[in-house]
Amino acid sequence: RQSVERSEDLEDPNEQCTLLISIPELSDDPSCDSESDTDTIFRLHQNVGTTCTDIVGDNSRQDSGVCVVNVENLGGRQLVGAGEIRWIRHYCSSQRMLLVGEGDFSFSASLARAFGSATNMIATSLDSRGFLLRNYKKAITNIHELRVRGCIVLHGIDATEIANHSYLGAFKFDRIIYNFPHAGFCSDEPGESQKRRHQLLISLFLKNAKEMIEERGEIHVTHKSNRFFRDWNLQGLAAAVGLRLIQELPFNFTD
């Protein structure tokens, strides 16, 4: 059973990034790769469809993690009861979102707070509620806020088996988000063995997520971008399951 990296990994904003990925036969690669040692967002999806450009800030602010984000055009689609549609960077309140591997649920809670509602969101953790209570001071507060705002919160969810889950497997999502996936470290374990375990975690997650993503949906993976983490080769792992990187963005945890 795989474990995930905890919220402590957010401490250094200079070593994090997010990748965004799509299917190979789709449009030309619009990625904005950064060679700097920052966190990156990987964005993957089945079908780009019609796109629009969401200008999120001054592109000259290279140290802020702000850049132009290409996002799908939802064509005004909105779920019943979702209320006013709000955009937060590359996320929209009308998108059906699945978050896996949450630690203290601070990321999902911040989205819910910004949207004013979390009725389209399912947030999950591998850890049990009891573990979260013992190890994360803000976890229970964040979970309470999520539920008050309409989010479904589930524990004991393995990101490598979500497509086969008795409840989650019945859904399709516009965004599936995995922040800082991590399979843990073992003392004296060779580096190559560590890398293979982490690659297996990512590969199985992507394989499952691909089955659960909507035709125009995207899979977002945020991870560190220093040498050890970049050697995981997320772009290659995505290609192996029929996905393609469409964009790489600096990650700013203060957003």
Protein backbone atom coordinates (compact mmCIF):
# COMPACT_ATOMS: atom_id res chain seq x y z
CA ARG A 1 0.00 0.00 0.00
CA GLN A 2 1.43 3.31 -1.09
CA SER A 3 1.84 6.29 1.20
CA VAL A 4 1.85 9.94 0.28
CA GLU A 5 4.07 12.90 1.10
CA ARG A 6 2.73 15.17 3.80
CA SER A 7 2.06 18.88 4.02
CA GLU A 8 5.58 19.54 5.33
CA ASP A 9 6.71 19.25 1.70
CA LEU A 10 5.11 22.62 1.04
CA GLU A 11 7.61 24.42 3.24
CA ASP A 12 10.04 25.35 0.44
CA PRO A 13 8.23 27.07 -2.46
CA ASN A 14 11.43 27.03 -4.51
CA GLU A 15 11.40 23.27 -5.02
CA GLN A 16 7.85 22.58 -6.19
CA CYS A 17 6.08 22.38 -9.54
CA THR A 18 2.92 21.15 -11.27
CA LEU A 19 2.64 19.22 -14.55
CA LEU A 20 -0.36 19.19 -16.90
CA ILE A 21 -0.70 16.30 -19.43
CA SER A 22 -2.90 15.18 -22.38
CA ILE A 23 -3.39 12.50 -25.06
CA PRO A 24 -0.61 12.33 -27.72
CA GLU A 25 -2.76 12.95 -30.79
CA LEU A 26 -4.12 16.24 -29.46
CA SER A 27 -2.93 19.79 -30.09
CA ASP A 28 0.70 20.91 -30.15
CA ASP A 29 2.45 21.03 -26.81
CA PRO A 30 1.76 24.42 -25.15
CA SER A 31 4.00 23.69 -22.18
CA CYS A 32 5.91 26.44 -20.39
CA ASP A 33 8.69 24.31 -18.91
CA SER A 34 11.01 25.86 -16.37
CA GLU A 35 14.56 24.63 -15.88
CA SER A 36 14.78 26.16 -12.43
CA ASP A 37 14.58 24.00 -9.32
CA THR A 38 10.98 24.84 -8.49
CA ASP A 39 7.80 22.90 -7.93
CA THR A 40 5.85 22.18 -11.07
CA ILE A 41 2.25 21.38 -11.94
CA PHE A 42 1.79 18.59 -14.47
CA ARG A 43 -1.50 18.83 -16.35
CA LEU A 44 -2.78 15.78 -18.23
CA HIS A 45 -6.05 15.10 -19.92
CA GLN A 46 -7.97 12.98 -22.41
CA ASN A 47 -9.19 15.64 -24.82
CA VAL A 48 -8.22 19.29 -24.83
CA GLY A 49 -11.29 20.30 -26.86
CA THR A 50 -11.86 24.03 -27.20
CA THR A 51 -9.49 26.06 -25.07
CA CYS A 52 -9.47 29.57 -23.76
CA THR A 53 -6.63 31.50 -22.18
CA ASP A 54 -6.85 32.47 -18.55
CA ILE A 55 -4.38 35.25 -17.82
CA VAL A 56 -3.59 34.83 -14.15
CA GLY A 57 -0.95 37.47 -13.64
CA ASP A 58 2.07 39.36 -14.89
CA ASN A 59 4.25 36.85 -16.77
CA SER A 60 7.35 38.83 -15.83
CA ARG A 61 7.00 37.80 -12.19
CA GLN A 62 9.07 34.66 -12.65
CA ASP A 63 9.67 34.20 -8.93
CA SER A 64 5.98 34.25 -8.06
CA GLY A 65 4.94 31.12 -9.93
CA VAL A 66 2.48 33.12 -12.05
CA CYS A 67 2.15 32.34 -15.76
CA VAL A 68 -0.47 31.99 -18.48
CA VAL A 69 -2.60 28.88 -18.00
CA ASN A 70 -4.49 27.24 -20.88
CA VAL A 71 -7.74 25.83 -19.59
CA GLU A 72 -10.64 24.02 -21.21
CA ASN A 73 -13.75 25.92 -22.19
CA LEU A 74 -16.64 24.40 -20.27
CA GLY A 75 -19.13 26.09 -22.58
CA GLY A 76 -21.08 27.49 -19.65
CA ARG A 77 -21.74 24.00 -18.28
CA GLN A 78 -22.62 24.14 -14.60
CA LEU A 79 -23.94 21.56 -12.19
CA VAL A 80 -27.24 22.14 -10.44
CA GLY A 81 -26.77 24.01 -7.17
CA ALA A 82 -23.20 25.05 -7.96
CA GLY A 83 -24.09 28.76 -7.67
CA GLU A 84 -21.99 31.48 -9.27
CA ILE A 85 -19.11 30.12 -11.36
CA ARG A 86 -15.75 31.26 -10.01
CA TRP A 87 -12.25 30.78 -11.42
CA ILE A 88 -9.19 30.32 -9.19
CA ARG A 89 -6.10 30.03 -11.37
CA HIS A 90 -6.73 26.91 -13.49
CA TYR A 91 -9.68 25.66 -11.40
CA CYS A 92 -13.34 26.50 -11.80
CA SER A 93 -16.10 26.04 -9.25
CA SER A 94 -18.29 24.24 -11.81
CA GLN A 95 -15.66 21.55 -12.44
CA ARG A 96 -16.18 18.18 -10.80
CA MET A 97 -12.98 17.64 -8.84
CA LEU A 98 -11.38 14.64 -7.18
CA LEU A 99 -8.43 15.28 -4.88
CA VAL A 100 -6.36 12.29 -3.78
CA GLY A 101 -3.54 11.93 -1.28
CA GLU A 102 -4.59 14.93 0.80
CA GLY A 103 -2.58 15.44 4.01
CA ASP A 104 -4.22 18.03 6.27
CA PHE A 105 -6.78 18.90 3.55
CA SER A 106 -5.51 22.49 3.43
CA PHE A 107 -5.41 22.57 -0.38
CA SER A 108 -8.97 21.35 -0.88
CA ALA A 109 -10.19 23.61 1.94
CA SER A 110 -8.56 26.64 0.31
CA LEU A 111 -10.30 25.85 -2.99
CA ALA A 112 -13.64 25.44 -1.23
CA ARG A 113 -13.14 28.71 0.60
CA ALA A 114 -12.27 30.57 -2.60
CA PHE A 115 -15.22 29.09 -4.48
CA GLY A 116 -17.61 29.61 -1.59
CA SER A 117 -18.86 26.07 -2.16
CA ALA A 118 -17.46 22.55 -2.48
CA THR A 119 -20.53 20.75 -3.79
CA ASN A 120 -18.62 19.58 -6.89
CA MET A 121 -15.63 18.32 -4.91
CA ILE A 122 -14.57 14.98 -3.44
CA ALA A 123 -11.44 15.16 -1.26
CA THR A 124 -9.69 11.97 -0.11
CA SER A 125 -6.77 10.84 2.00
CA LEU A 126 -4.92 7.56 2.36
CA ASP A 127 -4.72 8.15 6.11
CA SER A 128 -7.56 7.40 8.51
CA ARG A 129 -9.40 10.18 10.32
CA GLY A 130 -7.77 9.06 13.56
CA PHE A 131 -4.28 9.36 12.07
CA LEU A 132 -5.07 12.85 10.80
CA LEU A 133 -6.37 13.87 14.22
CA ARG A 134 -3.12 12.73 15.86
CA ASN A 135 -0.71 14.16 13.29
CA TYR A 136 -2.22 17.29 11.73
CA LYS A 137 -3.39 20.15 13.91
CA LYS A 138 -5.57 21.73 11.23
CA ALA A 139 -6.88 18.60 9.51
CA ILE A 140 -10.14 18.26 11.43
CA THR A 141 -10.87 21.99 11.09
CA ASN A 142 -10.25 21.81 7.35
CA ILE A 143 -12.40 18.69 6.99
CA HIS A 144 -15.22 20.32 8.92
CA GLU A 145 -15.08 23.37 6.66
CA LEU A 146 -15.11 21.17 3.56
CA ARG A 147 -18.17 19.27 4.72
CA VAL A 148 -20.01 22.43 5.70
CA ARG A 149 -19.42 23.71 2.17
CA GLY A 150 -20.77 20.51 0.64
CA CYS A 151 -17.61 18.51 -0.06
CA ILE A 152 -17.57 14.71 0.24
CA VAL A 153 -14.55 13.69 2.35
CA LEU A 154 -13.29 10.10 2.30
CA HIS A 155 -10.42 8.42 4.15
CA GLY A 156 -8.45 5.24 3.48
CA ILE A 157 -8.47 5.87 -0.29
CA ASP A 158 -5.54 4.37 -2.20
CA ALA A 159 -4.69 6.56 -5.20
CA THR A 160 -3.48 3.50 -7.11
CA GLU A 161 -6.91 1.82 -6.95
CA ILE A 162 -9.41 4.67 -7.23
CA ALA A 163 -10.96 3.44 -10.49
CA ASN A 164 -11.96 0.21 -8.76
CA HIS A 165 -13.35 1.88 -5.64
CA SER A 166 -16.97 0.90 -4.99
CA TYR A 167 -18.06 4.54 -4.67
CA LEU A 168 -15.52 6.67 -6.56
CA GLY A 169 -15.34 4.32 -9.53
CA ALA A 170 -18.85 5.33 -10.60
CA PHE A 171 -17.88 8.98 -11.18
CA LYS A 172 -16.24 10.97 -13.96
CA PHE A 173 -14.32 14.14 -13.10
CA ASP A 174 -13.20 17.31 -14.87
CA ARG A 175 -10.10 17.59 -12.67
CA ILE A 176 -8.23 14.90 -10.75
CA ILE A 177 -5.52 16.38 -8.52
CA TYR A 178 -2.65 14.67 -6.73
CA ASN A 179 -0.36 17.02 -4.82
CA PHE A 180 3.09 15.73 -3.89
CA PRO A 181 2.67 11.98 -4.43
CA HIS A 182 5.26 10.07 -2.44
CA ALA A 183 5.84 6.39 -1.73
CA GLY A 184 8.01 6.99 1.33
CA PHE A 185 11.68 6.26 1.98
CA CYS A 186 13.31 3.20 3.49
CA SER A 187 16.62 3.43 5.31
CA ASP A 188 19.61 2.20 3.29
CA GLU A 189 17.42 1.62 0.23
CA PRO A 190 19.35 2.17 -3.03
CA GLY A 191 18.36 5.28 -4.93
CA GLU A 192 17.32 3.33 -8.02
CA SER A 193 14.96 1.19 -5.94
CA GLN A 194 13.42 4.32 -4.38
CA LYS A 195 12.91 5.80 -7.82
CA ARG A 196 11.16 2.67 -9.12
CA ARG A 197 8.74 2.62 -6.16
CA HIS A 198 7.79 6.24 -6.74
CA GLN A 199 7.42 5.67 -10.46
CA LEU A 200 5.11 2.73 -9.77
CA LEU A 201 2.95 4.92 -7.52
CA ILE A 202 2.65 7.61 -10.19
CA SER A 203 2.10 5.14 -13.01
CA LEU A 204 -0.72 3.29 -11.22
CA PHE A 205 -2.35 6.57 -10.21
CA LEU A 206 -2.29 7.88 -13.79
CA LYS A 207 -3.67 4.61 -15.14
CA ASN A 208 -6.59 4.80 -12.69
CA ALA A 209 -7.16 8.52 -13.16
CA LYS A 210 -7.34 8.13 -16.93
CA GLU A 211 -10.35 5.84 -16.50
CA MET A 212 -12.12 8.43 -14.34
CA ILE A 213 -11.45 11.65 -16.22
CA GLU A 214 -14.03 13.31 -18.45
CA GLU A 215 -13.37 13.64 -22.17
CA ARG A 216 -12.21 17.23 -21.71
CA GLY A 217 -10.83 16.69 -18.22
CA GLU A 218 -7.32 17.15 -16.87
CA ILE A 219 -5.11 15.33 -14.37
CA HIS A 220 -2.88 17.59 -12.28
CA VAL A 221 0.20 16.31 -10.46
CA THR A 222 2.26 18.62 -8.25
CA HIS A 223 5.72 17.53 -7.16
CA LYS A 224 9.18 18.76 -6.33
CA SER A 225 11.49 19.42 -9.25
CA ASN A 226 14.97 18.90 -7.86
CA ARG A 227 17.06 16.14 -9.41
CA PHE A 228 15.71 13.14 -7.46
CA PHE A 229 12.09 14.03 -8.19
CA ARG A 230 12.70 15.02 -11.81
CA ASP A 231 14.36 11.63 -12.36
CA TRP A 232 10.92 10.06 -11.84
CA ASN A 233 10.21 11.19 -15.43
CA LEU A 234 6.52 11.94 -15.00
CA GLN A 235 6.21 12.90 -18.65
CA GLY A 236 7.42 9.44 -19.69
CA LEU A 237 5.14 7.71 -17.19
CA ALA A 238 2.19 9.66 -18.56
CA ALA A 239 3.06 8.73 -22.14
CA ALA A 240 3.22 5.06 -21.17
CA VAL A 241 -0.48 5.11 -20.21
CA GLY A 242 -1.60 7.21 -23.19
CA LEU A 243 -1.36 10.70 -21.71
CA ARG A 244 0.71 13.68 -22.80
CA LEU A 245 2.16 16.67 -20.99
CA ILE A 246 0.39 19.83 -22.13
CA GLN A 247 1.81 22.30 -19.64
CA GLU A 248 4.25 22.66 -16.77
CA LEU A 249 3.75 25.49 -14.30
CA PRO A 250 5.64 26.79 -11.27
CA PHE A 251 3.67 26.05 -8.10
CA ASN A 252 3.09 28.77 -5.53
CA PHE A 253 1.59 27.39 -2.32
CA THR A 254 0.61 30.89 -1.18
CA ASP A 255 -1.91 31.27 -4.06
